[in-house]
């Protein structure tokens, strides 16, 4: 069983929601996506990073993160729920 908190939990929830479509940090803004993904990988989760080109004034590539580890959430507790229970 894997217990996560904070941004690790948020990142995994985002990845689980979109499944094989993957997440581009521009779609789900957060300051340190790569760090959150790195932490989840250290916990043993398989998450690919696919480099995709993009155009525009700052053209280049961006990463799309795709979760490959099959998971099922047993329980989710929000910070608000935790505060109310205390």
PDB file of N, CA and C in Angstrom:
ATOM      1  N   UNK A   1       0.854  -1.179   0.000  1.00  0.00           N
ATOM      2  CA  UNK A   1       0.000   0.000   0.000  1.00  0.00           C
ATOM      3  C   UNK A   1       0.897   1.238   0.000  1.00  0.00           C
ATOM      4  N   UNK A   2       0.480   2.214  -0.733  1.00  0.00           N
ATOM      5  CA  UNK A   2       1.228   3.455  -0.898  1.00  0.00           C
ATOM      6  C   UNK A   2       0.418   4.581  -0.279  1.00  0.00           C
ATOM      7  N   UNK A   3       1.025   5.303   0.664  1.00  0.00           N
ATOM      8  CA  UNK A   3       0.364   6.455   1.290  1.00  0.00           C
ATOM      9  C   UNK A   3       1.119   7.705   0.886  1.00  0.00           C
ATOM     10  N   UNK A   4       0.393   8.642   0.311  1.00  0.00           N
ATOM     11  CA  UNK A   4       1.019   9.870  -0.170  1.00  0.00           C
ATOM     12  C   UNK A   4       0.327  11.074   0.441  1.00  0.00           C
ATOM     13  N   UNK A   5       1.089  12.177   0.504  1.00  0.00           N
ATOM     14  CA  UNK A   5       0.546  13.427   1.013  1.00  0.00           C
ATOM     15  C   UNK A   5       0.980  14.563   0.098  1.00  0.00           C
ATOM     16  N   UNK A   6       0.303  15.658   0.230  1.00  0.00           N
ATOM     17  CA  UNK A   6       0.713  16.886  -0.437  1.00  0.00           C
ATOM     18  C   UNK A   6       0.808  16.774  -1.946  1.00  0.00           C
ATOM     19  N   UNK A   7       1.882  17.373  -2.474  1.00  0.00           N
ATOM     20  CA  UNK A   7       2.051  17.425  -3.923  1.00  0.00           C
ATOM     21  C   UNK A   7       2.271  16.052  -4.550  1.00  0.00           C
ATOM     22  N   UNK A   8       2.879  15.116  -3.829  1.00  0.00           N
ATOM     23  CA  UNK A   8       3.009  13.757  -4.382  1.00  0.00           C
ATOM     24  C   UNK A   8       1.627  13.165  -4.617  1.00  0.00           C
ATOM     25  N   UNK A   9       0.738  13.314  -3.646  1.00  0.00           N
ATOM     26  CA  UNK A   9      -0.626  12.789  -3.779  1.00  0.00           C
ATOM     27  C   UNK A   9      -1.362  13.493  -4.914  1.00  0.00           C
ATOM     28  N   UNK A  10      -1.216  14.811  -4.986  1.00  0.00           N
ATOM     29  CA  UNK A  10      -1.864  15.585  -6.036  1.00  0.00           C
ATOM     30  C   UNK A  10      -1.377  15.148  -7.417  1.00  0.00           C
ATOM     31  N   UNK A  11      -0.060  14.981  -7.561  1.00  0.00           N
ATOM     32  CA  UNK A  11       0.524  14.577  -8.840  1.00  0.00           C
ATOM     33  C   UNK A  11       0.013  13.212  -9.258  1.00  0.00           C
ATOM     34  N   UNK A  12       0.026  12.264  -8.325  1.00  0.00           N
ATOM     35  CA  UNK A  12      -0.454  10.925  -8.660  1.00  0.00           C
ATOM     36  C   UNK A  12      -1.935  10.953  -9.022  1.00  0.00           C
ATOM     37  N   UNK A  13      -2.728  11.730  -8.319  1.00  0.00           N
ATOM     38  CA  UNK A  13      -4.155  11.832  -8.650  1.00  0.00           C
ATOM     39  C   UNK A  13      -4.347  12.374 -10.069  1.00  0.00           C
ATOM     40  N   UNK A  14      -3.554  13.373 -10.442  1.00  0.00           N
ATOM     41  CA  UNK A  14      -3.620  13.915 -11.810  1.00  0.00           C
ATOM     42  C   UNK A  14      -3.268  12.837 -12.834  1.00  0.00           C
ATOM     43  N   UNK A  15      -2.210  12.103 -12.572  1.00  0.00           N
ATOM     44  CA  UNK A  15      -1.777  11.058 -13.506  1.00  0.00           C
ATOM     45  C   UNK A  15      -2.798   9.933 -13.600  1.00  0.00           C
ATOM     46  N   UNK A  16      -3.388   9.555 -12.482  1.00  0.00           N
ATOM     47  CA  UNK A  16      -4.394   8.487 -12.492  1.00  0.00           C
ATOM     48  C   UNK A  16      -5.659   8.919 -13.220  1.00  0.00           C
ATOM     49  N   UNK A  17      -5.993  10.182 -13.135  1.00  0.00           N
ATOM     50  CA  UNK A  17      -7.208  10.686 -13.774  1.00  0.00           C
ATOM     51  C   UNK A  17      -7.132  10.615 -15.288  1.00  0.00           C
ATOM     52  N   UNK A  18      -5.987  10.933 -15.859  1.00  0.00           N
ATOM     53  CA  UNK A  18      -5.879  10.991 -17.319  1.00  0.00           C
ATOM     54  C   UNK A  18      -5.345   9.708 -17.944  1.00  0.00           C
ATOM     55  N   UNK A  19      -4.815   8.819 -17.137  1.00  0.00           N
ATOM     56  CA  UNK A  19      -4.280   7.521 -17.576  1.00  0.00           C
ATOM     57  C   UNK A  19      -3.319   7.642 -18.758  1.00  0.00           C
ATOM     58  N   UNK A  20      -3.607   6.914 -19.848  1.00  0.00           N
ATOM     59  CA  UNK A  20      -2.648   6.822 -20.963  1.00  0.00           C
ATOM     60  C   UNK A  20      -2.508   8.105 -21.773  1.00  0.00           C
ATOM     61  N   UNK A  21      -3.413   9.049 -21.613  1.00  0.00           N
ATOM     62  CA  UNK A  21      -3.278  10.343 -22.303  1.00  0.00           C
ATOM     63  C   UNK A  21      -2.085  11.118 -21.746  1.00  0.00           C
ATOM     64  N   UNK A  22      -1.830  10.953 -20.458  1.00  0.00           N
ATOM     65  CA  UNK A  22      -0.710  11.635 -19.834  1.00  0.00           C
ATOM     66  C   UNK A  22      -1.012  13.088 -19.504  1.00  0.00           C
ATOM     67  N   UNK A  23      -0.077  13.702 -18.794  1.00  0.00           N
ATOM     68  CA  UNK A  23      -0.233  15.081 -18.329  1.00  0.00           C
ATOM     69  C   UNK A  23       0.914  15.935 -18.849  1.00  0.00           C
ATOM     70  N   UNK A  24       0.563  17.102 -19.346  1.00  0.00           N
ATOM     71  CA  UNK A  24       1.544  18.129 -19.685  1.00  0.00           C
ATOM     72  C   UNK A  24       1.429  19.170 -18.574  1.00  0.00           C
ATOM     73  N   UNK A  25       2.524  19.543 -17.930  1.00  0.00           N
ATOM     74  CA  UNK A  25       2.436  20.492 -16.816  1.00  0.00           C
ATOM     75  C   UNK A  25       1.686  21.788 -17.141  1.00  0.00           C
ATOM     76  N   UNK A  26       1.655  22.209 -18.396  1.00  0.00           N
ATOM     77  CA  UNK A  26       0.904  23.409 -18.760  1.00  0.00           C
ATOM     78  C   UNK A  26      -0.592  23.192 -18.524  1.00  0.00           C
ATOM     79  N   UNK A  27      -1.078  21.951 -18.658  1.00  0.00           N
ATOM     80  CA  UNK A  27      -2.490  21.644 -18.448  1.00  0.00           C
ATOM     81  C   UNK A  27      -2.851  21.608 -16.967  1.00  0.00           C
ATOM     82  N   UNK A  28      -1.911  21.220 -16.142  1.00  0.00           N
ATOM     83  CA  UNK A  28      -2.098  21.137 -14.695  1.00  0.00           C
ATOM     84  C   UNK A  28      -0.938  21.881 -14.033  1.00  0.00           C
ATOM     85  N   UNK A  29      -0.976  23.194 -14.000  1.00  0.00           N
ATOM     86  CA  UNK A  29       0.182  23.951 -13.520  1.00  0.00           C
ATOM     87  C   UNK A  29       0.565  23.648 -12.074  1.00  0.00           C
ATOM     88  N   UNK A  30       1.842  23.498 -11.880  1.00  0.00           N
ATOM     89  CA  UNK A  30       2.452  23.321 -10.559  1.00  0.00           C
ATOM     90  C   UNK A  30       3.921  23.686 -10.727  1.00  0.00           C
ATOM     91  N   UNK A  31       4.543  24.204  -9.702  1.00  0.00           N
ATOM     92  CA  UNK A  31       5.906  24.711  -9.870  1.00  0.00           C
ATOM     93  C   UNK A  31       6.988  23.666 -10.107  1.00  0.00           C
ATOM     94  N   UNK A  32       6.798  22.430  -9.660  1.00  0.00           N
ATOM     95  CA  UNK A  32       7.909  21.481  -9.735  1.00  0.00           C
ATOM     96  C   UNK A  32       7.462  20.087 -10.174  1.00  0.00           C
ATOM     97  N   UNK A  33       6.753  19.991 -11.269  1.00  0.00           N
ATOM     98  CA  UNK A  33       6.265  18.702 -11.754  1.00  0.00           C
ATOM     99  C   UNK A  33       7.367  17.655 -11.810  1.00  0.00           C
ATOM    100  N   UNK A  34       8.512  18.013 -12.372  1.00  0.00           N
ATOM    101  CA  UNK A  34       9.575  17.017 -12.527  1.00  0.00           C
ATOM    102  C   UNK A  34      10.028  16.475 -11.175  1.00  0.00           C
ATOM    103  N   UNK A  35      10.057  17.303 -10.153  1.00  0.00           N
ATOM    104  CA  UNK A  35      10.451  16.846  -8.818  1.00  0.00           C
ATOM    105  C   UNK A  35       9.399  15.901  -8.238  1.00  0.00           C
ATOM    106  N   UNK A  36       8.124  16.216  -8.434  1.00  0.00           N
ATOM    107  CA  UNK A  36       7.059  15.346  -7.917  1.00  0.00           C
ATOM    108  C   UNK A  36       7.088  13.994  -8.620  1.00  0.00           C
ATOM    109  N   UNK A  37       7.287  14.006  -9.931  1.00  0.00           N
ATOM    110  CA  UNK A  37       7.370  12.754 -10.685  1.00  0.00           C
ATOM    111  C   UNK A  37       8.592  11.954 -10.237  1.00  0.00           C
ATOM    112  N   UNK A  38       9.706  12.635 -10.024  1.00  0.00           N
ATOM    113  CA  UNK A  38      10.918  11.968  -9.555  1.00  0.00           C
ATOM    114  C   UNK A  38      10.667  11.267  -8.212  1.00  0.00           C
ATOM    115  N   UNK A  39       9.989  11.939  -7.299  1.00  0.00           N
ATOM    116  CA  UNK A  39       9.666  11.339  -5.988  1.00  0.00           C
ATOM    117  C   UNK A  39       8.803  10.098  -6.146  1.00  0.00           C
ATOM    118  N   UNK A  40       7.824  10.167  -7.041  1.00  0.00           N
ATOM    119  CA  UNK A  40       6.961   9.001  -7.264  1.00  0.00           C
ATOM    120  C   UNK A  40       7.738   7.851  -7.884  1.00  0.00           C
ATOM    121  N   UNK A  41       8.654   8.153  -8.787  1.00  0.00           N
ATOM    122  CA  UNK A  41       9.500   7.111  -9.375  1.00  0.00           C
ATOM    123  C   UNK A  41      10.360   6.451  -8.307  1.00  0.00           C
ATOM    124  N   UNK A  42      10.881   7.233  -7.370  1.00  0.00           N
ATOM    125  CA  UNK A  42      11.688   6.673  -6.281  1.00  0.00           C
ATOM    126  C   UNK A  42      10.870   5.728  -5.415  1.00  0.00           C
ATOM    127  N   UNK A  43       9.558   5.900  -5.390  1.00  0.00           N
ATOM    128  CA  UNK A  43       8.673   5.004  -4.641  1.00  0.00           C
ATOM    129  C   UNK A  43       8.322   3.748  -5.444  1.00  0.00           C
ATOM    130  N   UNK A  44       8.844   3.654  -6.669  1.00  0.00           N
ATOM    131  CA  UNK A  44       8.652   2.457  -7.470  1.00  0.00           C
ATOM    132  C   UNK A  44       7.619   2.547  -8.571  1.00  0.00           C
ATOM    133  N   UNK A  45       7.010   3.708  -8.769  1.00  0.00           N
ATOM    134  CA  UNK A  45       6.012   3.847  -9.822  1.00  0.00           C
ATOM    135  C   UNK A  45       6.691   4.039 -11.172  1.00  0.00           C
ATOM    136  N   UNK A  46       6.095   3.466 -12.199  1.00  0.00           N
ATOM    137  CA  UNK A  46       6.627   3.600 -13.555  1.00  0.00           C
ATOM    138  C   UNK A  46       5.901   4.751 -14.241  1.00  0.00           C
ATOM    139  N   UNK A  47       6.649   5.818 -14.487  1.00  0.00           N
ATOM    140  CA  UNK A  47       6.106   7.014 -15.131  1.00  0.00           C
ATOM    141  C   UNK A  47       7.060   7.393 -16.252  1.00  0.00           C
ATOM    142  N   UNK A  48       6.552   7.372 -17.483  1.00  0.00           N
ATOM    143  CA  UNK A  48       7.355   7.756 -18.643  1.00  0.00           C
ATOM    144  C   UNK A  48       7.283   9.259 -18.856  1.00  0.00           C
ATOM    145  N   UNK A  49       8.343   9.802 -19.425  1.00  0.00           N
ATOM    146  CA  UNK A  49       8.351  11.184 -19.889  1.00  0.00           C
ATOM    147  C   UNK A  49       8.550  11.156 -21.391  1.00  0.00           C
ATOM    148  N   UNK A  50       7.574  11.643 -22.122  1.00  0.00           N
ATOM    149  CA  UNK A  50       7.626  11.706 -23.572  1.00  0.00           C
ATOM    150  C   UNK A  50       7.910  13.150 -23.956  1.00  0.00           C
ATOM    151  N   UNK A  51       8.980  13.388 -24.692  1.00  0.00           N
ATOM    152  CA  UNK A  51       9.281  14.739 -25.173  1.00  0.00           C
ATOM    153  C   UNK A  51       8.466  15.032 -26.418  1.00  0.00           C
ATOM    154  N   UNK A  52       7.737  16.144 -26.380  1.00  0.00           N
ATOM    155  CA  UNK A  52       6.900  16.550 -27.509  1.00  0.00           C
ATOM    156  C   UNK A  52       7.287  17.956 -27.939  1.00  0.00           C
ATOM    157  N   UNK A  53       7.345  18.202 -29.251  1.00  0.00           N
ATOM    158  CA  UNK A  53       7.670  19.553 -29.725  1.00  0.00           C
ATOM    159  C   UNK A  53       6.477  20.494 -29.569  1.00  0.00           C
ATOM    160  N   UNK A  54       6.759  21.757 -29.388  1.00  0.00           N
ATOM    161  CA  UNK A  54       5.714  22.779 -29.402  1.00  0.00           C
ATOM    162  C   UNK A  54       6.250  24.028 -30.100  1.00  0.00           C
ATOM    163  N   UNK A  55       5.329  24.740 -30.720  1.00  0.00           N
ATOM    164  CA  UNK A  55       5.690  25.939 -31.482  1.00  0.00           C
ATOM    165  C   UNK A  55       5.479  27.168 -30.613  1.00  0.00           C
ATOM    166  N   UNK A  56       5.564  28.319 -31.227  1.00  0.00           N
ATOM    167  CA  UNK A  56       5.323  29.567 -30.523  1.00  0.00           C
ATOM    168  C   UNK A  56       6.604  30.342 -30.318  1.00  0.00           C
ATOM    169  N   UNK A  57       6.511  31.463 -29.618  1.00  0.00           N
ATOM    170  CA  UNK A  57       7.687  32.314 -29.426  1.00  0.00           C
ATOM    171  C   UNK A  57       8.787  31.628 -28.622  1.00  0.00           C
ATOM    172  N   UNK A  58       8.438  30.657 -27.798  1.00  0.00           N
ATOM    173  CA  UNK A  58       9.426  29.905 -27.015  1.00  0.00           C
ATOM    174  C   UNK A  58       9.376  28.443 -27.434  1.00  0.00           C
ATOM    175  N   UNK A  59       9.483  28.207 -28.738  1.00  0.00           N
ATOM    176  CA  UNK A  59       9.351  26.844 -29.254  1.00  0.00           C
ATOM    177  C   UNK A  59      10.456  25.951 -28.697  1.00  0.00           C
ATOM    178  N   UNK A  60      10.146  24.686 -28.668  1.00  0.00           N
ATOM    179  CA  UNK A  60      11.080  23.696 -28.137  1.00  0.00           C
ATOM    180  C   UNK A  60      10.330  22.407 -27.867  1.00  0.00           C
ATOM    181  N   UNK A  61      10.604  21.800 -26.729  1.00  0.00           N
ATOM    182  CA  UNK A  61       9.890  20.584 -26.357  1.00  0.00           C
ATOM    183  C   UNK A  61       9.359  20.720 -24.932  1.00  0.00           C
ATOM    184  N   UNK A  62       8.342  19.937 -24.649  1.00  0.00           N
ATOM    185  CA  UNK A  62       7.830  19.838 -23.294  1.00  0.00           C
ATOM    186  C   UNK A  62       7.643  18.358 -22.983  1.00  0.00           C
ATOM    187  N   UNK A  63       7.586  18.022 -21.722  1.00  0.00           N
ATOM    188  CA  UNK A  63       7.416  16.630 -21.324  1.00  0.00           C
ATOM    189  C   UNK A  63       5.961  16.308 -21.055  1.00  0.00           C
ATOM    190  N   UNK A  64       5.561  15.113 -21.469  1.00  0.00           N
ATOM    191  CA  UNK A  64       4.238  14.579 -21.136  1.00  0.00           C
ATOM    192  C   UNK A  64       4.497  13.382 -20.224  1.00  0.00           C
ATOM    193  N   UNK A  65       3.943  13.409 -19.023  1.00  0.00           N
ATOM    194  CA  UNK A  65       4.138  12.340 -18.052  1.00  0.00           C
ATOM    195  C   UNK A  65       2.994  11.344 -18.153  1.00  0.00           C
ATOM    196  N   UNK A  66       3.357  10.057 -18.264  1.00  0.00           N
ATOM    197  CA  UNK A  66       2.355   9.003 -18.408  1.00  0.00           C
ATOM    198  C   UNK A  66       2.617   7.929 -17.358  1.00  0.00           C
ATOM    199  N   UNK A  67       1.616   7.669 -16.529  1.00  0.00           N
ATOM    200  CA  UNK A  67       1.702   6.643 -15.489  1.00  0.00           C
ATOM    201  C   UNK A  67       1.428   5.271 -16.099  1.00  0.00           C
ATOM    202  N   UNK A  68       2.328   4.319 -15.865  1.00  0.00           N
ATOM    203  CA  UNK A  68       2.144   2.961 -16.383  1.00  0.00           C
ATOM    204  C   UNK A  68       1.879   1.948 -15.280  1.00  0.00           C
ATOM    205  N   UNK A  69       2.066   2.311 -14.036  1.00  0.00           N
ATOM    206  CA  UNK A  69       1.811   1.405 -12.926  1.00  0.00           C
ATOM    207  C   UNK A  69       0.311   1.347 -12.681  1.00  0.00           C
ATOM    208  N   UNK A  70      -0.278   0.138 -12.732  1.00  0.00           N
ATOM    209  CA  UNK A  70      -1.714   0.052 -12.452  1.00  0.00           C
ATOM    210  C   UNK A  70      -1.971   0.278 -10.960  1.00  0.00           C
ATOM    211  N   UNK A  71      -2.831   1.221 -10.653  1.00  0.00           N
ATOM    212  CA  UNK A  71      -3.142   1.566  -9.262  1.00  0.00           C
ATOM    213  C   UNK A  71      -4.634   1.769  -9.095  1.00  0.00           C
ATOM    214  N   UNK A  72      -5.060   1.648  -7.837  1.00  0.00           N
ATOM    215  CA  UNK A  72      -6.449   1.931  -7.480  1.00  0.00           C
ATOM    216  C   UNK A  72      -6.427   2.682  -6.158  1.00  0.00           C
ATOM    217  N   UNK A  73      -7.103   3.809  -6.099  1.00  0.00           N
ATOM    218  CA  UNK A  73      -7.172   4.595  -4.860  1.00  0.00           C
ATOM    219  C   UNK A  73      -8.153   3.920  -3.909  1.00  0.00           C
ATOM    220  N   UNK A  74      -7.683   3.606  -2.710  1.00  0.00           N
ATOM    221  CA  UNK A  74      -8.552   3.000  -1.700  1.00  0.00           C
ATOM    222  C   UNK A  74      -9.283   4.066  -0.896  1.00  0.00           C
ATOM    223  N   UNK A  75      -8.580   5.166  -0.654  1.00  0.00           N
ATOM    224  CA  UNK A  75      -9.180   6.240   0.125  1.00  0.00           C
ATOM    225  C   UNK A  75      -8.467   7.542  -0.204  1.00  0.00           C
ATOM    226  N   UNK A  76      -9.239   8.593  -0.333  1.00  0.00           N
ATOM    227  CA  UNK A  76      -8.687   9.916  -0.567  1.00  0.00           C
ATOM    228  C   UNK A  76      -9.240  10.844   0.503  1.00  0.00           C
ATOM    229  N   UNK A  77      -8.344  11.560   1.174  1.00  0.00           N
ATOM    230  CA  UNK A  77      -8.759  12.504   2.209  1.00  0.00           C
ATOM    231  C   UNK A  77      -8.155  13.863   1.852  1.00  0.00           C
ATOM    232  N   UNK A  78      -9.024  14.848   1.699  1.00  0.00           N
ATOM    233  CA  UNK A  78      -8.540  16.188   1.374  1.00  0.00           C
ATOM    234  C   UNK A  78      -8.066  16.885   2.650  1.00  0.00           C
ATOM    235  N   UNK A  79      -7.273  17.924   2.472  1.00  0.00           N
ATOM    236  CA  UNK A  79      -6.813  18.693   3.624  1.00  0.00           C
ATOM    237  C   UNK A  79      -7.982  19.284   4.387  1.00  0.00           C
ATOM    238  N   UNK A  80      -9.002  19.725   3.659  1.00  0.00           N
ATOM    239  CA  UNK A  80     -10.199  20.296   4.308  1.00  0.00           C
ATOM    240  C   UNK A  80     -10.903  19.248   5.169  1.00  0.00           C
ATOM    241  N   UNK A  81     -11.057  18.039   4.640  1.00  0.00           N
ATOM    242  CA  UNK A  81     -11.694  16.962   5.416  1.00  0.00           C
ATOM    243  C   UNK A  81     -10.892  16.650   6.678  1.00  0.00           C
ATOM    244  N   UNK A  82      -9.576  16.669   6.552  1.00  0.00           N
ATOM    245  CA  UNK A  82      -8.710  16.388   7.691  1.00  0.00           C
ATOM    246  C   UNK A  82      -8.858  17.466   8.757  1.00  0.00           C
ATOM    247  N   UNK A  83      -8.927  18.743   8.336  1.00  0.00           N
ATOM    248  CA  UNK A  83      -9.105  19.848   9.302  1.00  0.00           C
ATOM    249  C   UNK A  83     -10.440  19.736  10.021  1.00  0.00           C
ATOM    250  N   UNK A  84     -11.491  19.385   9.281  1.00  0.00           N
ATOM    251  CA  UNK A  84     -12.814  19.285   9.879  1.00  0.00           C
ATOM    252  C   UNK A  84     -12.912  18.131  10.875  1.00  0.00           C
ATOM    253  N   UNK A  85     -12.163  17.069  10.641  1.00  0.00           N
ATOM    254  CA  UNK A  85     -12.194  15.904  11.512  1.00  0.00           C
ATOM    255  C   UNK A  85     -11.428  16.148  12.818  1.00  0.00           C
ATOM    256  N   UNK A  86     -10.515  17.106  12.791  1.00  0.00           N
ATOM    257  CA  UNK A  86      -9.679  17.351  13.990  1.00  0.00           C
ATOM    258  C   UNK A  86     -10.395  18.110  15.071  1.00  0.00           C
TER     259      UNK A  86
END
